[in-house]
Each structure stands twice: as C-alpha cells, then as structure tokens.
C-alpha cells in the first residue's frame, strides 16, 4: 500500500516536471491544423493564408487538413478528442457558436469545456445582395418583405449556418418574412439569385466579390457599424433602415481542453505575430477581413458571448440540422 502510494506520488511529480519541459521544446514536429469546413470556402481561405506564416514563426510545418461535415462538428469533435499536446489544433468559424443550440445533445463534444481557445483571429462583416433586376436599395427590399410576407425567398449555404440565420434575423428585424432555401454552399444559391429566383442573399465579400465585380449582383448594404473601405459608396444596413443590424462572420483557433498553458501561449503569440505581417495585412484588406490581436481569455469570452447571442435566435427560427 505504501509502495503504491509512493509510486503514484512519484508519477505525479514526474508528470508535473515533464509538462513544462515539453512546453519548452514545443513544437518539435509538424502541427495539424484541422479546418472544419470544405476546401475553397471562406474559412479554408483564411486558414491557408495563415498556415505558411505560422510554419515560419513556429519553425515547424503547419499542415492544413479539411474535415468538413455537420456544420463543422466533425472537425471540431476530432480536435476535442485529440491528445492535448498542441500538435492538433482547430481553425473554425462563427457557425461553431451556433452548433450547440442547433444540435443539442447530439453535438458530439462539450462546447463549453471541450476546447481551449487559442486566438480570435479575424472577422468579416456580411453584405446584403440582390439580383440586378430586384430591389435597388435596402429600404426597398424591406418594403417588399413587409408588403408581401413569404413571397420572397433567400438562399443560404446550408440550414442552420451563419448565412441562413443572418438572413432570418434581417427579415425579422425588417418586420417582414421570407422563405429560406438552403444550398450546399453559397455559390449555387448566388447563381439562382442572379437568375431572379431569390429576392436577396447575405454573404461575405470574399465569397461574392467575383459576382460583384462582374456586375451580376447589386450590393444593397453592409452588416456592420461602419461602411467598408472596399465598398465606400454602400451604406450600412443600420444607416439605411434605422434598425440595429450588425453581423460579422468570424474565425478563431482552438486546441483540445487541458492543453498546457505554455503551449496555448506559444500558439497565441504565433497567431498574433502572423496577423501583423505586412503581406497578411494587405491580403486581409483585399478580403475585407478585420484582423484581431487577442489573448486566449478574450477569444474564450468572445466565443461564449456568441453562443449566448445566437441561442435564442436559433430557437426562434426553428432551424434544424441538415
């Protein structure tokens, strides 16, 4: 009994000594960065911009792996279940804060305690778009939705995602109603909107820039507190209508829970350093991304606040997982 107790105490002491030592040598092998969404999407674009810069800063290759599915839950659960040693991290987006209310007990991981926040990396305001032969301004679209509730539809990149719920919230705050039509990605929905099958679509500038530059869609408004430098002549939705509406899509990095704090701090410093590199800043400006210098505590609080914000909206909308 005494021997067993002494052995256990010795093992605990060895672990306590090993953790700082491991953190001091971290990283000494490549890091897997799981992106919980498909290749080519907005989250993937931002993650792949950061990966080579992180590799240079950390001195080890950061390998991107796309693990899409279930509104990001598959990749997120994979990281939550990974060994907490800093060699498997998650790069995810705003839909992560919506998933708990959407999936409930079938989520597959603990949304509150299953992950350790590394950094809140960037945000991008959404924009309101319409077909060229549709509404010419945000007030006109609001009037259409109020006059004929349910007559007009909007496309989204999937049921229960940011685009769906941001569109639902817009129609609700406008005092109108519209029919939700989900697609497997925002681009197919955009094609149908251009053809006049939908009254509007909310999306990021990243995803819709080609359609805008090609004169295929009209930008009615920006879902932020101030106008975008990239679209200086486009008013904010709040500016045009008077009702409060400012919705950002955002990107953040996480590690498995119980990852040693020195490793979290090392990763946080690397992300913040990567965001300050001139070429990264230039690219972010082109994509209308606002880069954010954050601590792990700030990243955690932001995620918790986003979960609290979206929970009642999701329940009110009746959105269900696909």
C-alpha atoms as a PDB file:
ATOM      1  CA  UNK A   1       0.000   0.000   0.000  1.00  0.00           C
ATOM      2  CA  UNK A   2       2.797   2.378   0.957  1.00  0.00           C
ATOM      3  CA  UNK A   3       4.759   1.419  -2.142  1.00  0.00           C
ATOM      4  CA  UNK A   4       1.742   2.035  -4.376  1.00  0.00           C
ATOM      5  CA  UNK A   5       1.100   5.432  -2.813  1.00  0.00           C
ATOM      6  CA  UNK A   6       4.739   6.442  -3.147  1.00  0.00           C
ATOM      7  CA  UNK A   7       4.742   5.261  -6.747  1.00  0.00           C
ATOM      8  CA  UNK A   8       1.665   7.308  -7.544  1.00  0.00           C
ATOM      9  CA  UNK A   9       3.171  10.413  -5.946  1.00  0.00           C
ATOM     10  CA  UNK A  10       6.393   9.893  -7.891  1.00  0.00           C
ATOM     11  CA  UNK A  11       4.452   9.530 -11.133  1.00  0.00           C
ATOM     12  CA  UNK A  12       2.536  12.750 -10.461  1.00  0.00           C
ATOM     13  CA  UNK A  13       5.770  14.575  -9.703  1.00  0.00           C
ATOM     14  CA  UNK A  14       7.319  13.289 -12.915  1.00  0.00           C
ATOM     15  CA  UNK A  15       4.286  14.480 -14.899  1.00  0.00           C
ATOM     16  CA  UNK A  16       4.477  17.911 -13.290  1.00  0.00           C
ATOM     17  CA  UNK A  17       8.109  18.196 -14.301  1.00  0.00           C
ATOM     18  CA  UNK A  18       7.526  16.820 -17.794  1.00  0.00           C
ATOM     19  CA  UNK A  19       4.794  19.266 -18.785  1.00  0.00           C
ATOM     20  CA  UNK A  20       6.961  22.431 -18.575  1.00  0.00           C
ATOM     21  CA  UNK A  21       9.819  20.618 -20.310  1.00  0.00           C
ATOM     22  CA  UNK A  22       7.564  19.544 -23.170  1.00  0.00           C
ATOM     23  CA  UNK A  23       6.210  23.083 -23.473  1.00  0.00           C
ATOM     24  CA  UNK A  24       9.746  24.485 -23.617  1.00  0.00           C
ATOM     25  CA  UNK A  25      10.645  22.322 -26.611  1.00  0.00           C
ATOM     26  CA  UNK A  26       7.291  22.842 -28.357  1.00  0.00           C
ATOM     27  CA  UNK A  27       6.936  22.439 -31.251  1.00  0.00           C
ATOM     28  CA  UNK A  28       9.422  19.771 -32.288  1.00  0.00           C
ATOM     29  CA  UNK A  29       7.315  18.187 -35.049  1.00  0.00           C
ATOM     30  CA  UNK A  30       4.662  19.269 -37.596  1.00  0.00           C
ATOM     31  CA  UNK A  31       1.301  20.575 -36.364  1.00  0.00           C
ATOM     32  CA  UNK A  32      -2.023  19.508 -37.883  1.00  0.00           C
ATOM     33  CA  UNK A  33      -4.451  22.394 -38.300  1.00  0.00           C
ATOM     34  CA  UNK A  34      -7.930  20.959 -38.809  1.00  0.00           C
ATOM     35  CA  UNK A  35     -10.265  23.199 -40.789  1.00  0.00           C
ATOM     36  CA  UNK A  36     -13.807  22.100 -40.058  1.00  0.00           C
ATOM     37  CA  UNK A  37     -15.140  23.205 -43.447  1.00  0.00           C
ATOM     38  CA  UNK A  38     -14.629  22.350 -47.111  1.00  0.00           C
ATOM     39  CA  UNK A  39     -11.638  23.417 -49.176  1.00  0.00           C
ATOM     40  CA  UNK A  40     -12.146  26.677 -51.053  1.00  0.00           C
ATOM     41  CA  UNK A  41     -14.657  28.153 -48.602  1.00  0.00           C
ATOM     42  CA  UNK A  42     -14.058  31.355 -46.589  1.00  0.00           C
ATOM     43  CA  UNK A  43     -12.728  29.518 -43.508  1.00  0.00           C
ATOM     44  CA  UNK A  44     -10.354  27.483 -45.636  1.00  0.00           C
ATOM     45  CA  UNK A  45      -9.116  30.608 -47.441  1.00  0.00           C
ATOM     46  CA  UNK A  46      -8.240  32.367 -44.181  1.00  0.00           C
ATOM     47  CA  UNK A  47      -6.724  29.238 -42.622  1.00  0.00           C
ATOM     48  CA  UNK A  48      -4.498  28.606 -45.623  1.00  0.00           C
ATOM     49  CA  UNK A  49      -3.333  32.209 -45.598  1.00  0.00           C
ATOM     50  CA  UNK A  50      -2.191  31.771 -42.004  1.00  0.00           C
ATOM     51  CA  UNK A  51      -0.661  28.278 -42.216  1.00  0.00           C
ATOM     52  CA  UNK A  52       2.619  29.128 -44.018  1.00  0.00           C
ATOM     53  CA  UNK A  53       3.140  32.173 -41.827  1.00  0.00           C
ATOM     54  CA  UNK A  54       2.599  30.087 -38.691  1.00  0.00           C
ATOM     55  CA  UNK A  55       5.034  27.489 -40.032  1.00  0.00           C
ATOM     56  CA  UNK A  56       7.721  30.132 -40.413  1.00  0.00           C
ATOM     57  CA  UNK A  57       7.129  31.581 -36.944  1.00  0.00           C
ATOM     58  CA  UNK A  58       6.932  28.235 -35.124  1.00  0.00           C
ATOM     59  CA  UNK A  59       9.772  26.583 -37.027  1.00  0.00           C
ATOM     60  CA  UNK A  60       7.626  23.551 -37.857  1.00  0.00           C
ATOM     61  CA  UNK A  61       5.268  22.880 -40.727  1.00  0.00           C
ATOM     62  CA  UNK A  62       1.602  23.607 -40.047  1.00  0.00           C
ATOM     63  CA  UNK A  63      -0.301  21.110 -42.189  1.00  0.00           C
ATOM     64  CA  UNK A  64      -3.881  22.012 -43.145  1.00  0.00           C
ATOM     65  CA  UNK A  65      -6.432  19.196 -43.190  1.00  0.00           C
ATOM     66  CA  UNK A  66     -10.045  19.830 -44.217  1.00  0.00           C
ATOM     67  CA  UNK A  67     -12.581  17.807 -42.215  1.00  0.00           C
ATOM     68  CA  UNK A  68     -15.971  19.202 -43.277  1.00  0.00           C
ATOM     69  CA  UNK A  69     -19.409  17.973 -42.343  1.00  0.00           C
ATOM     70  CA  UNK A  70     -22.303  18.549 -39.919  1.00  0.00           C
ATOM     71  CA  UNK A  71     -21.849  22.350 -39.909  1.00  0.00           C
ATOM     72  CA  UNK A  72     -18.246  21.966 -38.771  1.00  0.00           C
ATOM     73  CA  UNK A  73     -18.994  19.476 -35.993  1.00  0.00           C
ATOM     74  CA  UNK A  74     -16.958  16.601 -37.459  1.00  0.00           C
ATOM     75  CA  UNK A  75     -13.677  18.504 -37.488  1.00  0.00           C
ATOM     76  CA  UNK A  76     -14.403  20.172 -34.157  1.00  0.00           C
ATOM     77  CA  UNK A  77     -15.132  16.870 -32.405  1.00  0.00           C
ATOM     78  CA  UNK A  78     -11.947  15.412 -33.893  1.00  0.00           C
ATOM     79  CA  UNK A  79      -9.855  18.134 -32.258  1.00  0.00           C
ATOM     80  CA  UNK A  80     -11.785  17.949 -28.973  1.00  0.00           C
ATOM     81  CA  UNK A  81     -10.901  14.224 -28.825  1.00  0.00           C
ATOM     82  CA  UNK A  82      -7.247  14.716 -29.816  1.00  0.00           C
ATOM     83  CA  UNK A  83      -4.282  14.459 -27.460  1.00  0.00           C
ATOM     84  CA  UNK A  84      -3.819  17.832 -25.706  1.00  0.00           C
ATOM     85  CA  UNK A  85      -0.211  18.313 -26.749  1.00  0.00           C
ATOM     86  CA  UNK A  86      -0.523  21.213 -29.200  1.00  0.00           C
ATOM     87  CA  UNK A  87       0.025  19.102 -32.325  1.00  0.00           C
ATOM     88  CA  UNK A  88      -3.627  19.026 -33.372  1.00  0.00           C
ATOM     89  CA  UNK A  89      -5.429  22.368 -33.428  1.00  0.00           C
ATOM     90  CA  UNK A  90      -8.701  23.619 -34.857  1.00  0.00           C
ATOM     91  CA  UNK A  91      -9.346  26.536 -37.172  1.00  0.00           C
ATOM     92  CA  UNK A  92     -13.056  27.220 -37.294  1.00  0.00           C
ATOM     93  CA  UNK A  93     -15.675  29.880 -37.895  1.00  0.00           C
ATOM     94  CA  UNK A  94     -18.761  31.555 -36.476  1.00  0.00           C
ATOM     95  CA  UNK A  95     -21.084  28.603 -37.086  1.00  0.00           C
ATOM     96  CA  UNK A  96     -19.221  26.879 -34.239  1.00  0.00           C
ATOM     97  CA  UNK A  97     -21.067  29.176 -31.799  1.00  0.00           C
ATOM     98  CA  UNK A  98     -24.396  28.228 -33.382  1.00  0.00           C
ATOM     99  CA  UNK A  99     -23.878  24.460 -33.333  1.00  0.00           C
ATOM    100  CA  UNK A 100     -24.702  23.912 -29.616  1.00  0.00           C
ATOM    101  CA  UNK A 101     -28.216  25.357 -29.968  1.00  0.00           C
ATOM    102  CA  UNK A 102     -28.700  23.672 -33.334  1.00  0.00           C
ATOM    103  CA  UNK A 103     -27.568  20.154 -32.403  1.00  0.00           C
ATOM    104  CA  UNK A 104     -28.174  19.993 -28.654  1.00  0.00           C
ATOM    105  CA  UNK A 105     -27.083  16.715 -27.058  1.00  0.00           C
ATOM    106  CA  UNK A 106     -26.107  15.212 -30.418  1.00  0.00           C
ATOM    107  CA  UNK A 107     -23.292  17.744 -30.857  1.00  0.00           C
ATOM    108  CA  UNK A 108     -20.535  15.183 -30.247  1.00  0.00           C
ATOM    109  CA  UNK A 109     -18.308  17.304 -27.979  1.00  0.00           C
ATOM    110  CA  UNK A 110     -18.584  19.621 -24.988  1.00  0.00           C
ATOM    111  CA  UNK A 111     -18.965  23.142 -26.464  1.00  0.00           C
ATOM    112  CA  UNK A 112     -18.145  24.858 -23.165  1.00  0.00           C
ATOM    113  CA  UNK A 113     -15.277  22.786 -21.741  1.00  0.00           C
ATOM    114  CA  UNK A 114     -14.160  20.536 -24.603  1.00  0.00           C
ATOM    115  CA  UNK A 115     -11.797  23.012 -26.236  1.00  0.00           C
ATOM    116  CA  UNK A 116      -9.229  25.595 -25.161  1.00  0.00           C
ATOM    117  CA  UNK A 117      -9.354  28.905 -27.027  1.00  0.00           C
ATOM    118  CA  UNK A 118      -6.087  29.950 -28.658  1.00  0.00           C
ATOM    119  CA  UNK A 119      -6.942  33.137 -30.522  1.00  0.00           C
ATOM    120  CA  UNK A 120      -9.811  35.090 -32.033  1.00  0.00           C
ATOM    121  CA  UNK A 121      -8.193  35.735 -35.394  1.00  0.00           C
ATOM    122  CA  UNK A 122     -10.388  37.814 -37.701  1.00  0.00           C
ATOM    123  CA  UNK A 123     -13.882  38.953 -38.534  1.00  0.00           C
ATOM    124  CA  UNK A 124     -15.635  39.988 -41.723  1.00  0.00           C
ATOM    125  CA  UNK A 125     -18.920  41.882 -41.944  1.00  0.00           C
ATOM    126  CA  UNK A 126     -21.620  40.333 -44.072  1.00  0.00           C
ATOM    127  CA  UNK A 127     -23.140  42.162 -47.037  1.00  0.00           C
ATOM    128  CA  UNK A 128     -26.695  42.243 -48.376  1.00  0.00           C
ATOM    129  CA  UNK A 129     -27.051  41.391 -52.066  1.00  0.00           C
ATOM    130  CA  UNK A 130     -29.902  41.403 -54.567  1.00  0.00           C
ATOM    131  CA  UNK A 131     -30.308  40.433 -58.242  1.00  0.00           C
ATOM    132  CA  UNK A 132     -29.729  43.262 -60.691  1.00  0.00           C
ATOM    133  CA  UNK A 133     -33.418  43.354 -61.611  1.00  0.00           C
ATOM    134  CA  UNK A 134     -34.527  43.176 -57.960  1.00  0.00           C
ATOM    135  CA  UNK A 135     -34.524  45.690 -55.097  1.00  0.00           C
ATOM    136  CA  UNK A 136     -32.363  48.754 -55.721  1.00  0.00           C
ATOM    137  CA  UNK A 137     -31.791  49.601 -52.049  1.00  0.00           C
ATOM    138  CA  UNK A 138     -32.134  48.135 -48.568  1.00  0.00           C
ATOM    139  CA  UNK A 139     -35.260  50.225 -47.756  1.00  0.00           C
ATOM    140  CA  UNK A 140     -36.874  48.979 -50.970  1.00  0.00           C
ATOM    141  CA  UNK A 141     -36.140  45.370 -50.028  1.00  0.00           C
ATOM    142  CA  UNK A 142     -37.516  45.949 -46.519  1.00  0.00           C
ATOM    143  CA  UNK A 143     -40.684  47.345 -48.055  1.00  0.00           C
ATOM    144  CA  UNK A 144     -41.036  44.286 -50.291  1.00  0.00           C
ATOM    145  CA  UNK A 145     -40.681  41.897 -47.354  1.00  0.00           C
ATOM    146  CA  UNK A 146     -43.236  43.822 -45.301  1.00  0.00           C
ATOM    147  CA  UNK A 147     -45.767  44.190 -48.110  1.00  0.00           C
ATOM    148  CA  UNK A 148     -45.745  40.538 -49.184  1.00  0.00           C
ATOM    149  CA  UNK A 149     -44.598  38.342 -46.268  1.00  0.00           C
ATOM    150  CA  UNK A 150     -43.394  34.965 -47.505  1.00  0.00           C
ATOM    151  CA  UNK A 151     -43.467  35.934 -51.184  1.00  0.00           C
ATOM    152  CA  UNK A 152     -39.716  36.395 -51.487  1.00  0.00           C
ATOM    153  CA  UNK A 153     -37.012  33.854 -50.719  1.00  0.00           C
ATOM    154  CA  UNK A 154     -33.345  33.951 -49.814  1.00  0.00           C
ATOM    155  CA  UNK A 155     -30.548  31.480 -50.483  1.00  0.00           C
ATOM    156  CA  UNK A 156     -28.087  30.225 -47.891  1.00  0.00           C
ATOM    157  CA  UNK A 157     -25.048  27.963 -47.735  1.00  0.00           C
ATOM    158  CA  UNK A 158     -26.900  25.455 -45.558  1.00  0.00           C
ATOM    159  CA  UNK A 159     -29.581  25.064 -42.934  1.00  0.00           C
ATOM    160  CA  UNK A 160     -28.611  26.476 -39.548  1.00  0.00           C
ATOM    161  CA  UNK A 161     -25.432  28.195 -40.762  1.00  0.00           C
ATOM    162  CA  UNK A 162     -24.394  31.825 -40.453  1.00  0.00           C
ATOM    163  CA  UNK A 163     -25.854  32.861 -43.821  1.00  0.00           C
ATOM    164  CA  UNK A 164     -29.215  31.259 -43.026  1.00  0.00           C
ATOM    165  CA  UNK A 165     -29.532  32.762 -39.560  1.00  0.00           C
ATOM    166  CA  UNK A 166     -28.194  36.185 -40.526  1.00  0.00           C
ATOM    167  CA  UNK A 167     -30.787  36.304 -43.326  1.00  0.00           C
ATOM    168  CA  UNK A 168     -33.542  35.163 -40.978  1.00  0.00           C
ATOM    169  CA  UNK A 169     -32.526  37.837 -38.461  1.00  0.00           C
ATOM    170  CA  UNK A 170     -32.509  40.514 -41.186  1.00  0.00           C
ATOM    171  CA  UNK A 171     -36.031  39.634 -42.355  1.00  0.00           C
ATOM    172  CA  UNK A 172     -37.266  39.513 -38.746  1.00  0.00           C
ATOM    173  CA  UNK A 173     -35.772  42.860 -37.774  1.00  0.00           C
ATOM    174  CA  UNK A 174     -37.077  44.360 -41.013  1.00  0.00           C
ATOM    175  CA  UNK A 175     -40.569  43.427 -39.835  1.00  0.00           C
ATOM    176  CA  UNK A 176     -41.162  41.077 -42.744  1.00  0.00           C
ATOM    177  CA  UNK A 177     -40.830  37.446 -43.657  1.00  0.00           C
ATOM    178  CA  UNK A 178     -39.036  35.447 -46.356  1.00  0.00           C
ATOM    179  CA  UNK A 179     -38.655  31.807 -47.374  1.00  0.00           C
ATOM    180  CA  UNK A 180     -35.339  30.101 -46.658  1.00  0.00           C
ATOM    181  CA  UNK A 181     -33.856  27.946 -49.460  1.00  0.00           C
ATOM    182  CA  UNK A 182     -30.661  26.115 -48.386  1.00  0.00           C
ATOM    183  CA  UNK A 183     -27.909  25.056 -50.801  1.00  0.00           C
ATOM    184  CA  UNK A 184     -24.683  23.102 -50.419  1.00  0.00           C
ATOM    185  CA  UNK A 185     -22.553  26.222 -50.424  1.00  0.00           C
ATOM    186  CA  UNK A 186     -23.240  29.888 -51.098  1.00  0.00           C
ATOM    187  CA  UNK A 187     -22.146  29.909 -54.761  1.00  0.00           C
ATOM    188  CA  UNK A 188     -25.014  27.718 -56.096  1.00  0.00           C
ATOM    189  CA  UNK A 189     -27.501  29.893 -54.243  1.00  0.00           C
ATOM    190  CA  UNK A 190     -25.893  33.003 -55.695  1.00  0.00           C
ATOM    191  CA  UNK A 191     -26.312  31.623 -59.205  1.00  0.00           C
ATOM    192  CA  UNK A 192     -30.036  31.124 -58.598  1.00  0.00           C
ATOM    193  CA  UNK A 193     -30.367  34.591 -57.086  1.00  0.00           C
ATOM    194  CA  UNK A 194     -28.696  36.109 -60.134  1.00  0.00           C
ATOM    195  CA  UNK A 195     -31.310  34.285 -62.226  1.00  0.00           C
ATOM    196  CA  UNK A 196     -34.032  36.027 -60.209  1.00  0.00           C
ATOM    197  CA  UNK A 197     -35.200  33.030 -58.174  1.00  0.00           C
ATOM    198  CA  UNK A 198     -34.478  34.742 -54.836  1.00  0.00           C
ATOM    199  CA  UNK A 199     -35.112  38.231 -53.551  1.00  0.00           C
ATOM    200  CA  UNK A 200     -31.843  38.586 -51.680  1.00  0.00           C
ATOM    201  CA  UNK A 201     -28.800  36.839 -50.255  1.00  0.00           C
ATOM    202  CA  UNK A 202     -26.481  37.692 -47.375  1.00  0.00           C
ATOM    203  CA  UNK A 203     -22.865  36.633 -47.790  1.00  0.00           C
ATOM    204  CA  UNK A 204     -19.254  37.684 -47.278  1.00  0.00           C
ATOM    205  CA  UNK A 205     -17.356  39.951 -49.643  1.00  0.00           C
ATOM    206  CA  UNK A 206     -14.831  37.112 -50.010  1.00  0.00           C
ATOM    207  CA  UNK A 207     -17.423  34.760 -51.484  1.00  0.00           C
ATOM    208  CA  UNK A 208     -19.312  37.274 -53.599  1.00  0.00           C
ATOM    209  CA  UNK A 209     -16.559  39.575 -54.895  1.00  0.00           C
ATOM    210  CA  UNK A 210     -16.373  37.879 -58.299  1.00  0.00           C
ATOM    211  CA  UNK A 211     -20.128  38.266 -58.820  1.00  0.00           C
ATOM    212  CA  UNK A 212     -19.971  41.915 -57.714  1.00  0.00           C
ATOM    213  CA  UNK A 213     -17.011  42.760 -59.944  1.00  0.00           C
ATOM    214  CA  UNK A 214     -18.758  41.037 -62.846  1.00  0.00           C
ATOM    215  CA  UNK A 215     -21.860  43.178 -62.432  1.00  0.00           C
ATOM    216  CA  UNK A 216     -24.020  40.139 -61.699  1.00  0.00           C
ATOM    217  CA  UNK A 217     -25.408  41.276 -58.334  1.00  0.00           C
ATOM    218  CA  UNK A 218     -26.195  44.548 -56.587  1.00  0.00           C
ATOM    219  CA  UNK A 219     -24.779  45.285 -53.127  1.00  0.00           C
ATOM    220  CA  UNK A 220     -27.553  46.893 -51.086  1.00  0.00           C
ATOM    221  CA  UNK A 221     -25.951  47.233 -47.671  1.00  0.00           C
ATOM    222  CA  UNK A 222     -23.199  46.270 -45.253  1.00  0.00           C
ATOM    223  CA  UNK A 223     -23.988  44.471 -41.991  1.00  0.00           C
ATOM    224  CA  UNK A 224     -21.543  46.436 -39.834  1.00  0.00           C
ATOM    225  CA  UNK A 225     -21.379  49.559 -37.680  1.00  0.00           C
ATOM    226  CA  UNK A 226     -19.470  51.470 -40.362  1.00  0.00           C
ATOM    227  CA  UNK A 227     -19.020  51.392 -44.123  1.00  0.00           C
ATOM    228  CA  UNK A 228     -16.387  49.163 -45.665  1.00  0.00           C
ATOM    229  CA  UNK A 229     -13.345  50.833 -47.274  1.00  0.00           C
ATOM    230  CA  UNK A 230     -13.723  48.273 -50.084  1.00  0.00           C
ATOM    231  CA  UNK A 231     -17.336  49.440 -50.698  1.00  0.00           C
ATOM    232  CA  UNK A 232     -17.274  53.115 -49.675  1.00  0.00           C
ATOM    233  CA  UNK A 233     -20.498  54.025 -51.513  1.00  0.00           C
ATOM    234  CA  UNK A 234     -22.554  51.258 -49.934  1.00  0.00           C
ATOM    235  CA  UNK A 235     -24.387  52.313 -46.742  1.00  0.00           C
ATOM    236  CA  UNK A 236     -24.630  50.112 -43.678  1.00  0.00           C
ATOM    237  CA  UNK A 237     -27.974  48.370 -43.179  1.00  0.00           C
ATOM    238  CA  UNK A 238     -28.479  50.293 -39.951  1.00  0.00           C
ATOM    239  CA  UNK A 239     -27.692  53.568 -41.717  1.00  0.00           C
ATOM    240  CA  UNK A 240     -30.215  52.808 -44.472  1.00  0.00           C
ATOM    241  CA  UNK A 241     -33.052  51.450 -42.341  1.00  0.00           C
ATOM    242  CA  UNK A 242     -32.638  52.689 -38.780  1.00  0.00           C
ATOM    243  CA  UNK A 243     -32.884  49.240 -37.182  1.00  0.00           C
ATOM    244  CA  UNK A 244     -29.972  47.596 -35.400  1.00  0.00           C
ATOM    245  CA  UNK A 245     -28.250  45.029 -37.582  1.00  0.00           C
ATOM    246  CA  UNK A 246     -24.520  44.341 -37.434  1.00  0.00           C
ATOM    247  CA  UNK A 247     -23.461  40.730 -38.004  1.00  0.00           C
ATOM    248  CA  UNK A 248     -19.914  39.512 -38.551  1.00  0.00           C
ATOM    249  CA  UNK A 249     -18.691  36.145 -39.622  1.00  0.00           C
ATOM    250  CA  UNK A 250     -15.504  35.347 -37.722  1.00  0.00           C
ATOM    251  CA  UNK A 251     -12.589  32.931 -37.457  1.00  0.00           C
ATOM    252  CA  UNK A 252     -10.785  31.539 -34.424  1.00  0.00           C
ATOM    253  CA  UNK A 253      -8.312  28.854 -33.357  1.00  0.00           C
ATOM    254  CA  UNK A 254      -8.692  26.241 -30.625  1.00  0.00           C
ATOM    255  CA  UNK A 255      -6.809  23.340 -29.043  1.00  0.00           C
ATOM    256  CA  UNK A 256      -8.085  20.333 -27.101  1.00  0.00           C
ATOM    257  CA  UNK A 257      -9.024  21.051 -23.491  1.00  0.00           C
ATOM    258  CA  UNK A 258      -6.199  20.525 -20.967  1.00  0.00           C
ATOM    259  CA  UNK A 259      -3.526  21.587 -23.468  1.00  0.00           C
ATOM    260  CA  UNK A 260      -0.741  23.046 -21.242  1.00  0.00           C
ATOM    261  CA  UNK A 261      -0.984  26.808 -20.898  1.00  0.00           C
ATOM    262  CA  UNK A 262       2.604  27.441 -22.104  1.00  0.00           C
ATOM    263  CA  UNK A 263       1.700  25.725 -25.399  1.00  0.00           C
ATOM    264  CA  UNK A 264      -1.524  27.759 -25.702  1.00  0.00           C
ATOM    265  CA  UNK A 265       0.511  30.920 -25.109  1.00  0.00           C
ATOM    266  CA  UNK A 266       3.096  29.896 -27.728  1.00  0.00           C
ATOM    267  CA  UNK A 267       0.358  29.309 -30.304  1.00  0.00           C
ATOM    268  CA  UNK A 268      -1.438  32.522 -29.381  1.00  0.00           C
ATOM    269  CA  UNK A 269       1.772  34.527 -29.857  1.00  0.00           C
ATOM    270  CA  UNK A 270       2.353  32.846 -33.228  1.00  0.00           C
ATOM    271  CA  UNK A 271      -1.144  33.682 -34.489  1.00  0.00           C
ATOM    272  CA  UNK A 272      -0.878  37.291 -33.324  1.00  0.00           C
ATOM    273  CA  UNK A 273       2.544  37.639 -34.952  1.00  0.00           C
ATOM    274  CA  UNK A 274       1.306  36.124 -38.226  1.00  0.00           C
ATOM    275  CA  UNK A 275      -1.585  38.601 -38.351  1.00  0.00           C
ATOM    276  CA  UNK A 276       0.848  41.536 -38.169  1.00  0.00           C
ATOM    277  CA  UNK A 277       2.916  40.523 -41.205  1.00  0.00           C
ATOM    278  CA  UNK A 278       2.591  43.160 -43.970  1.00  0.00           C
ATOM    279  CA  UNK A 279       1.596  40.683 -46.679  1.00  0.00           C
ATOM    280  CA  UNK A 280      -1.090  39.234 -44.411  1.00  0.00           C
ATOM    281  CA  UNK A 281      -2.439  42.710 -43.643  1.00  0.00           C
ATOM    282  CA  UNK A 282      -2.541  43.523 -47.362  1.00  0.00           C
ATOM    283  CA  UNK A 283      -4.392  40.339 -48.217  1.00  0.00           C
ATOM    284  CA  UNK A 284      -6.838  40.872 -45.362  1.00  0.00           C
ATOM    285  CA  UNK A 285      -7.650  44.357 -46.665  1.00  0.00           C
ATOM    286  CA  UNK A 286      -8.432  42.906 -50.084  1.00  0.00           C
ATOM    287  CA  UNK A 287     -10.835  40.400 -48.491  1.00  0.00           C
ATOM    288  CA  UNK A 288     -12.439  42.920 -46.091  1.00  0.00           C
ATOM    289  CA  UNK A 289     -11.095  40.988 -43.105  1.00  0.00           C
ATOM    290  CA  UNK A 290     -10.545  42.760 -39.808  1.00  0.00           C
ATOM    291  CA  UNK A 291      -7.566  41.101 -38.123  1.00  0.00           C
ATOM    292  CA  UNK A 292      -7.767  40.809 -34.341  1.00  0.00           C
ATOM    293  CA  UNK A 293      -4.924  40.689 -31.800  1.00  0.00           C
ATOM    294  CA  UNK A 294      -6.348  38.686 -28.889  1.00  0.00           C
ATOM    295  CA  UNK A 295      -5.462  36.775 -25.742  1.00  0.00           C
ATOM    296  CA  UNK A 296      -6.821  33.262 -25.110  1.00  0.00           C
ATOM    297  CA  UNK A 297      -9.138  34.746 -22.464  1.00  0.00           C
ATOM    298  CA  UNK A 298     -10.549  37.269 -24.932  1.00  0.00           C
ATOM    299  CA  UNK A 299     -11.043  34.531 -27.521  1.00  0.00           C
ATOM    300  CA  UNK A 300     -12.904  32.374 -24.987  1.00  0.00           C
ATOM    301  CA  UNK A 301     -15.157  35.239 -23.856  1.00  0.00           C
ATOM    302  CA  UNK A 302     -15.981  36.149 -27.454  1.00  0.00           C
ATOM    303  CA  UNK A 303     -16.972  32.555 -28.238  1.00  0.00           C
ATOM    304  CA  UNK A 304     -19.134  32.328 -25.104  1.00  0.00           C
ATOM    305  CA  UNK A 305     -20.821  35.647 -25.932  1.00  0.00           C
ATOM    306  CA  UNK A 306     -21.549  34.468 -29.472  1.00  0.00           C
ATOM    307  CA  UNK A 307     -23.149  31.260 -28.203  1.00  0.00           C
ATOM    308  CA  UNK A 308     -25.369  33.320 -25.902  1.00  0.00           C
ATOM    309  CA  UNK A 309     -26.311  35.714 -28.737  1.00  0.00           C
ATOM    310  CA  UNK A 310     -27.324  33.052 -31.254  1.00  0.00           C
ATOM    311  CA  UNK A 311     -29.048  30.591 -28.918  1.00  0.00           C
ATOM    312  CA  UNK A 312     -32.455  32.382 -28.715  1.00  0.00           C
ATOM    313  CA  UNK A 313     -32.364  33.330 -32.404  1.00  0.00           C
ATOM    314  CA  UNK A 314     -31.839  29.711 -33.448  1.00  0.00           C
ATOM    315  CA  UNK A 315     -34.643  28.538 -31.199  1.00  0.00           C
ATOM    316  CA  UNK A 316     -36.981  31.232 -32.531  1.00  0.00           C
ATOM    317  CA  UNK A 317     -36.101  30.399 -36.146  1.00  0.00           C
ATOM    318  CA  UNK A 318     -36.862  26.696 -35.729  1.00  0.00           C
ATOM    319  CA  UNK A 319     -33.667  25.836 -37.633  1.00  0.00           C
ATOM    320  CA  UNK A 320     -32.776  22.145 -37.623  1.00  0.00           C
ATOM    321  CA  UNK A 321     -29.511  20.431 -38.602  1.00  0.00           C
ATOM    322  CA  UNK A 322     -29.340  19.052 -42.125  1.00  0.00           C
END
